[in-house]
Amino acid sequence: MISATQLRVGMTILYNNEPYRVVTVQHITPGNWRGMVQTKLKHLKTGSTVENRFRSEDKLEKAHLEQHEMEYLYSDGAEYHFMNSETYEQVALSAEVLGDNVYFLIPNIKIMVEYYNDAPVGIEPPKVVELKITDTAPNMKGATVTSSQKPATLETGLVVNVPPFIEAGETIRIDTTECKYLERAKA
């Protein structure tokens, strides 16, 4: 059991005896009231989100998830298919369950598929992925890193802000926790 003040983004907890992932956490101390923790939780089985306010002294149970390394194979439009490299078992997850993690899926990438009660409930992508830019504004002469950013569309459909000197066709590294540009990928 953990106290509500120990909640962090990405943790999985049991709330109403159902597994939820913490999406946002905000500690609130309004004037002379007791402190509270405002959270947004995502149900691991259905993908629905719920907002909840916990008192700082509330105790919560962490959900224990099994993780298996799998390889992303393909998407058939409705579901995303993964294969366990050791057992060759295949599982499929819907886009609703995966949420924004679909933007980090490129064929043959190794990811961790999370299981709760022997059923796949989500994925944990690597902390950093390399994706190719398919579209962005042209290179600007004299652009430096400290200049303003420009939007770039990546091969998976994700749009991130990149420095002005980055061009279409380049491969860049993306931080999957914050969905932001880190650096050019090493050639």
C-alpha atoms as a PDB file:
ATOM      1  CA  MET A   1       0.000   0.000   0.000  1.00  0.00           C
ATOM      2  CA  ILE A   2       1.177   3.504  -0.820  1.00  0.00           C
ATOM      3  CA  SER A   3      -0.148   6.866   0.270  1.00  0.00           C
ATOM      4  CA  ALA A   4      -1.815   9.115  -2.299  1.00  0.00           C
ATOM      5  CA  THR A   5       1.052  11.604  -2.034  1.00  0.00           C
ATOM      6  CA  GLN A   6       3.420   8.940  -3.423  1.00  0.00           C
ATOM      7  CA  LEU A   7       1.481   8.623  -6.705  1.00  0.00           C
ATOM      8  CA  ARG A   8       3.553   9.313  -9.821  1.00  0.00           C
ATOM      9  CA  VAL A   9       2.697   9.464 -13.525  1.00  0.00           C
ATOM     10  CA  GLY A  10       2.943   6.001 -15.089  1.00  0.00           C
ATOM     11  CA  MET A  11       2.221   4.033 -11.887  1.00  0.00           C
ATOM     12  CA  THR A  12      -0.444   1.346 -12.002  1.00  0.00           C
ATOM     13  CA  ILE A  13      -2.852   1.150  -9.086  1.00  0.00           C
ATOM     14  CA  LEU A  14      -5.986  -0.722  -8.112  1.00  0.00           C
ATOM     15  CA  TYR A  15      -8.904   1.708  -7.840  1.00  0.00           C
ATOM     16  CA  ASN A  16     -12.330   0.189  -7.087  1.00  0.00           C
ATOM     17  CA  ASN A  17     -10.634  -3.216  -7.545  1.00  0.00           C
ATOM     18  CA  GLU A  18      -9.791  -2.399 -11.172  1.00  0.00           C
ATOM     19  CA  PRO A  19      -6.333  -1.692 -12.658  1.00  0.00           C
ATOM     20  CA  TYR A  20      -5.658   1.945 -13.614  1.00  0.00           C
ATOM     21  CA  ARG A  21      -2.581   3.782 -14.861  1.00  0.00           C
ATOM     22  CA  VAL A  22      -1.898   7.245 -13.420  1.00  0.00           C
ATOM     23  CA  VAL A  23      -1.910   9.750 -16.306  1.00  0.00           C
ATOM     24  CA  THR A  24      -1.597  13.026 -14.363  1.00  0.00           C
ATOM     25  CA  VAL A  25      -0.925  13.912 -10.731  1.00  0.00           C
ATOM     26  CA  GLN A  26      -1.344  17.314  -9.110  1.00  0.00           C
ATOM     27  CA  HIS A  27      -0.824  18.005  -5.419  1.00  0.00           C
ATOM     28  CA  ILE A  28      -3.300  20.615  -4.130  1.00  0.00           C
ATOM     29  CA  THR A  29      -3.156  22.414  -0.782  1.00  0.00           C
ATOM     30  CA  PRO A  30      -6.047  24.911  -0.795  1.00  0.00           C
ATOM     31  CA  GLY A  31      -5.652  27.486   1.999  1.00  0.00           C
ATOM     32  CA  ASN A  32      -6.533  26.064   5.386  1.00  0.00           C
ATOM     33  CA  TRP A  33      -7.923  22.751   4.036  1.00  0.00           C
ATOM     34  CA  ARG A  34      -6.081  19.477   4.110  1.00  0.00           C
ATOM     35  CA  GLY A  35      -3.860  18.587   1.170  1.00  0.00           C
ATOM     36  CA  MET A  36      -5.212  16.434  -1.635  1.00  0.00           C
ATOM     37  CA  VAL A  37      -3.998  14.768  -4.791  1.00  0.00           C
ATOM     38  CA  GLN A  38      -5.924  15.398  -8.032  1.00  0.00           C
ATOM     39  CA  THR A  39      -5.384  12.560 -10.526  1.00  0.00           C
ATOM     40  CA  LYS A  40      -6.429  11.453 -13.962  1.00  0.00           C
ATOM     41  CA  LEU A  41      -6.545   7.655 -14.229  1.00  0.00           C
ATOM     42  CA  LYS A  42      -6.774   5.451 -17.316  1.00  0.00           C
ATOM     43  CA  HIS A  43      -8.494   2.078 -17.011  1.00  0.00           C
ATOM     44  CA  LEU A  44      -6.095  -0.580 -18.301  1.00  0.00           C
ATOM     45  CA  LYS A  45      -8.775  -2.883 -19.695  1.00  0.00           C
ATOM     46  CA  THR A  46     -11.189  -0.434 -21.325  1.00  0.00           C
ATOM     47  CA  GLY A  47      -8.970   2.587 -21.994  1.00  0.00           C
ATOM     48  CA  SER A  48     -11.505   4.975 -20.440  1.00  0.00           C
ATOM     49  CA  THR A  49     -10.262   7.791 -18.223  1.00  0.00           C
ATOM     50  CA  VAL A  50     -11.592   9.024 -14.926  1.00  0.00           C
ATOM     51  CA  GLU A  51     -10.587  11.938 -12.720  1.00  0.00           C
ATOM     52  CA  ASN A  52     -10.382  11.437  -8.975  1.00  0.00           C
ATOM     53  CA  ARG A  53      -9.305  13.449  -5.978  1.00  0.00           C
ATOM     54  CA  PHE A  54      -7.632  11.519  -3.159  1.00  0.00           C
ATOM     55  CA  ARG A  55      -7.025  12.853   0.341  1.00  0.00           C
ATOM     56  CA  SER A  56      -3.326  12.923   1.163  1.00  0.00           C
ATOM     57  CA  GLU A  57      -3.809  10.284   3.875  1.00  0.00           C
ATOM     58  CA  ASP A  58      -5.647   7.819   1.552  1.00  0.00           C
ATOM     59  CA  LYS A  59      -3.883   4.479   1.002  1.00  0.00           C
ATOM     60  CA  LEU A  60      -3.845   2.865  -2.459  1.00  0.00           C
ATOM     61  CA  GLU A  61      -2.767  -0.560  -3.634  1.00  0.00           C
ATOM     62  CA  LYS A  62      -0.282  -0.837  -6.483  1.00  0.00           C
ATOM     63  CA  ALA A  63      -1.389  -3.134  -9.299  1.00  0.00           C
ATOM     64  CA  HIS A  64       1.201  -5.745 -10.120  1.00  0.00           C
ATOM     65  CA  LEU A  65       1.611  -6.205 -13.857  1.00  0.00           C
ATOM     66  CA  GLU A  66       3.556  -8.905 -15.601  1.00  0.00           C
ATOM     67  CA  GLN A  67       5.702  -7.665 -18.457  1.00  0.00           C
ATOM     68  CA  HIS A  68       6.786  -9.690 -21.460  1.00  0.00           C
ATOM     69  CA  GLU A  69       9.149  -8.409 -24.142  1.00  0.00           C
ATOM     70  CA  MET A  70       7.437  -8.598 -27.503  1.00  0.00           C
ATOM     71  CA  GLU A  71       8.032  -7.454 -31.042  1.00  0.00           C
ATOM     72  CA  TYR A  72       5.545  -5.218 -32.827  1.00  0.00           C
ATOM     73  CA  LEU A  73       4.519  -6.880 -36.095  1.00  0.00           C
ATOM     74  CA  TYR A  74       1.807  -4.885 -37.864  1.00  0.00           C
ATOM     75  CA  SER A  75      -1.535  -3.097 -37.659  1.00  0.00           C
ATOM     76  CA  ASP A  76      -4.592  -4.313 -39.535  1.00  0.00           C
ATOM     77  CA  GLY A  77      -6.394  -1.000 -39.058  1.00  0.00           C
ATOM     78  CA  ALA A  78      -8.411  -2.048 -36.008  1.00  0.00           C
ATOM     79  CA  GLU A  79      -5.781  -3.791 -33.896  1.00  0.00           C
ATOM     80  CA  TYR A  80      -2.032  -3.805 -33.365  1.00  0.00           C
ATOM     81  CA  HIS A  81      -0.337  -7.216 -33.361  1.00  0.00           C
ATOM     82  CA  PHE A  82       2.626  -8.243 -31.191  1.00  0.00           C
ATOM     83  CA  MET A  83       4.650 -11.461 -30.969  1.00  0.00           C
ATOM     84  CA  ASN A  84       6.571 -12.941 -28.064  1.00  0.00           C
ATOM     85  CA  SER A  85      10.073 -13.660 -29.434  1.00  0.00           C
ATOM     86  CA  GLU A  86      10.546 -16.709 -27.202  1.00  0.00           C
ATOM     87  CA  THR A  87       7.172 -18.494 -27.407  1.00  0.00           C
ATOM     88  CA  TYR A  88       5.956 -17.015 -30.733  1.00  0.00           C
ATOM     89  CA  GLU A  89       2.621 -16.312 -29.028  1.00  0.00           C
ATOM     90  CA  GLN A  90       0.792 -13.425 -30.705  1.00  0.00           C
ATOM     91  CA  VAL A  91      -1.521 -10.895 -29.058  1.00  0.00           C
ATOM     92  CA  ALA A  92      -3.548  -8.043 -30.505  1.00  0.00           C
ATOM     93  CA  LEU A  93      -4.443  -4.777 -28.766  1.00  0.00           C
ATOM     94  CA  SER A  94      -6.841  -2.078 -29.949  1.00  0.00           C
ATOM     95  CA  ALA A  95      -5.857   1.529 -30.578  1.00  0.00           C
ATOM     96  CA  GLU A  96      -8.121   2.617 -27.685  1.00  0.00           C
ATOM     97  CA  VAL A  97      -6.136   0.484 -25.238  1.00  0.00           C
ATOM     98  CA  LEU A  98      -2.774   1.643 -26.602  1.00  0.00           C
ATOM     99  CA  GLY A  99      -3.670   5.340 -26.669  1.00  0.00           C
ATOM    100  CA  ASP A 100      -0.801   7.625 -27.723  1.00  0.00           C
ATOM    101  CA  ASN A 101       1.640   4.708 -27.611  1.00  0.00           C
ATOM    102  CA  VAL A 102       0.597   3.839 -31.198  1.00  0.00           C
ATOM    103  CA  TYR A 103       2.805   6.738 -32.337  1.00  0.00           C
ATOM    104  CA  PHE A 104       5.911   4.851 -31.177  1.00  0.00           C
ATOM    105  CA  LEU A 105       5.178   1.588 -32.993  1.00  0.00           C
ATOM    106  CA  ILE A 106       7.336   0.825 -35.996  1.00  0.00           C
ATOM    107  CA  PRO A 107       7.701  -2.716 -37.379  1.00  0.00           C
ATOM    108  CA  ASN A 108      10.093  -5.001 -35.460  1.00  0.00           C
ATOM    109  CA  ILE A 109      10.497  -2.662 -32.467  1.00  0.00           C
ATOM    110  CA  LYS A 110      10.874  -4.455 -29.132  1.00  0.00           C
ATOM    111  CA  ILE A 111       8.427  -3.283 -26.472  1.00  0.00           C
ATOM    112  CA  MET A 112       7.118  -4.508 -23.140  1.00  0.00           C
ATOM    113  CA  VAL A 113       3.522  -5.787 -23.227  1.00  0.00           C
ATOM    114  CA  GLU A 114       1.856  -5.539 -19.832  1.00  0.00           C
ATOM    115  CA  TYR A 115      -0.423  -8.297 -18.547  1.00  0.00           C
ATOM    116  CA  TYR A 116      -2.936  -8.141 -15.711  1.00  0.00           C
ATOM    117  CA  ASN A 117      -4.515 -11.461 -14.668  1.00  0.00           C
ATOM    118  CA  ASP A 118      -3.009 -13.159 -17.762  1.00  0.00           C
ATOM    119  CA  ALA A 119      -4.685 -10.696 -20.155  1.00  0.00           C
ATOM    120  CA  PRO A 120      -2.729  -8.058 -22.133  1.00  0.00           C
ATOM    121  CA  VAL A 121      -3.747  -4.573 -20.975  1.00  0.00           C
ATOM    122  CA  GLY A 122      -1.207  -2.240 -22.541  1.00  0.00           C
ATOM    123  CA  ILE A 123       2.360  -1.607 -23.571  1.00  0.00           C
ATOM    124  CA  GLU A 124       5.365   0.228 -22.239  1.00  0.00           C
ATOM    125  CA  PRO A 125       7.363   1.622 -25.155  1.00  0.00           C
ATOM    126  CA  PRO A 126      11.119   2.164 -24.885  1.00  0.00           C
ATOM    127  CA  LYS A 127      12.090   5.482 -23.271  1.00  0.00           C
ATOM    128  CA  VAL A 128      13.545   6.700 -26.591  1.00  0.00           C
ATOM    129  CA  VAL A 129      12.581   5.755 -30.164  1.00  0.00           C
ATOM    130  CA  GLU A 130      14.067   6.756 -33.502  1.00  0.00           C
ATOM    131  CA  LEU A 131      11.531   7.921 -36.092  1.00  0.00           C
ATOM    132  CA  LYS A 132      11.882   9.367 -39.586  1.00  0.00           C
ATOM    133  CA  ILE A 133      10.464  12.784 -40.465  1.00  0.00           C
ATOM    134  CA  THR A 134       8.051  12.634 -43.395  1.00  0.00           C
ATOM    135  CA  ASP A 135       7.049  16.303 -43.557  1.00  0.00           C
ATOM    136  CA  THR A 136       8.257  19.612 -42.147  1.00  0.00           C
ATOM    137  CA  ALA A 137       8.817  23.190 -43.268  1.00  0.00           C
ATOM    138  CA  PRO A 138      11.982  23.776 -45.333  1.00  0.00           C
ATOM    139  CA  ASN A 139      15.350  24.465 -43.697  1.00  0.00           C
ATOM    140  CA  MET A 140      15.866  28.099 -42.718  1.00  0.00           C
ATOM    141  CA  LYS A 141      19.228  29.770 -43.406  1.00  0.00           C
ATOM    142  CA  GLY A 142      21.119  30.725 -40.266  1.00  0.00           C
ATOM    143  CA  ALA A 143      18.831  28.711 -38.006  1.00  0.00           C
ATOM    144  CA  THR A 144      20.280  27.732 -34.635  1.00  0.00           C
ATOM    145  CA  VAL A 145      19.132  25.469 -31.845  1.00  0.00           C
ATOM    146  CA  THR A 146      17.993  28.457 -29.774  1.00  0.00           C
ATOM    147  CA  SER A 147      15.646  29.662 -32.531  1.00  0.00           C
ATOM    148  CA  SER A 148      11.951  28.940 -32.473  1.00  0.00           C
ATOM    149  CA  GLN A 149      10.727  25.422 -33.141  1.00  0.00           C
ATOM    150  CA  LYS A 150       8.725  24.164 -36.128  1.00  0.00           C
ATOM    151  CA  PRO A 151       6.264  21.240 -36.351  1.00  0.00           C
ATOM    152  CA  ALA A 152       7.390  18.004 -38.007  1.00  0.00           C
ATOM    153  CA  THR A 153       5.240  15.012 -38.943  1.00  0.00           C
ATOM    154  CA  LEU A 154       6.882  11.653 -38.272  1.00  0.00           C
ATOM    155  CA  GLU A 155       6.425   8.319 -40.060  1.00  0.00           C
ATOM    156  CA  THR A 156       3.889   7.145 -37.466  1.00  0.00           C
ATOM    157  CA  GLY A 157       1.739  10.287 -37.714  1.00  0.00           C
ATOM    158  CA  LEU A 158       3.059  11.907 -34.531  1.00  0.00           C
ATOM    159  CA  VAL A 159       3.667  15.657 -34.794  1.00  0.00           C
ATOM    160  CA  VAL A 160       6.489  17.101 -32.664  1.00  0.00           C
ATOM    161  CA  ASN A 161       8.290  20.418 -32.563  1.00  0.00           C
ATOM    162  CA  VAL A 162      11.850  20.292 -33.876  1.00  0.00           C
ATOM    163  CA  PRO A 163      14.617  22.881 -34.335  1.00  0.00           C
ATOM    164  CA  PRO A 164      14.467  24.785 -37.645  1.00  0.00           C
ATOM    165  CA  PHE A 165      17.608  23.121 -39.076  1.00  0.00           C
ATOM    166  CA  ILE A 166      15.958  19.651 -39.096  1.00  0.00           C
ATOM    167  CA  GLU A 167      14.724  18.578 -42.549  1.00  0.00           C
ATOM    168  CA  ALA A 168      12.285  16.020 -43.954  1.00  0.00           C
ATOM    169  CA  GLY A 169      13.867  12.602 -44.430  1.00  0.00           C
ATOM    170  CA  GLU A 170      16.064  12.849 -41.326  1.00  0.00           C
ATOM    171  CA  THR A 171      15.752  10.388 -38.449  1.00  0.00           C
ATOM    172  CA  ILE A 172      15.363  11.871 -34.980  1.00  0.00           C
ATOM    173  CA  ARG A 173      15.194  10.534 -31.432  1.00  0.00           C
ATOM    174  CA  ILE A 174      11.935  11.053 -29.512  1.00  0.00           C
ATOM    175  CA  ASP A 175      11.379  10.912 -25.740  1.00  0.00           C
ATOM    176  CA  THR A 176       8.285   8.683 -25.405  1.00  0.00           C
ATOM    177  CA  THR A 177       7.321   9.911 -21.927  1.00  0.00           C
ATOM    178  CA  GLU A 178       6.971  13.541 -23.017  1.00  0.00           C
ATOM    179  CA  CYS A 179       6.499  13.066 -26.808  1.00  0.00           C
ATOM    180  CA  LYS A 180       9.241  15.536 -27.616  1.00  0.00           C
ATOM    181  CA  TYR A 181      12.317  15.870 -29.798  1.00  0.00           C
ATOM    182  CA  LEU A 182      15.654  14.968 -28.185  1.00  0.00           C
ATOM    183  CA  GLU A 183      18.283  14.977 -30.944  1.00  0.00           C
ATOM    184  CA  ARG A 184      19.185  13.774 -34.419  1.00  0.00           C
ATOM    185  CA  ALA A 185      19.753  10.031 -34.611  1.00  0.00           C
ATOM    186  CA  LYS A 186      23.320   8.932 -35.105  1.00  0.00           C
ATOM    187  CA  ALA A 187      23.977   7.761 -38.658  1.00  0.00           C
END
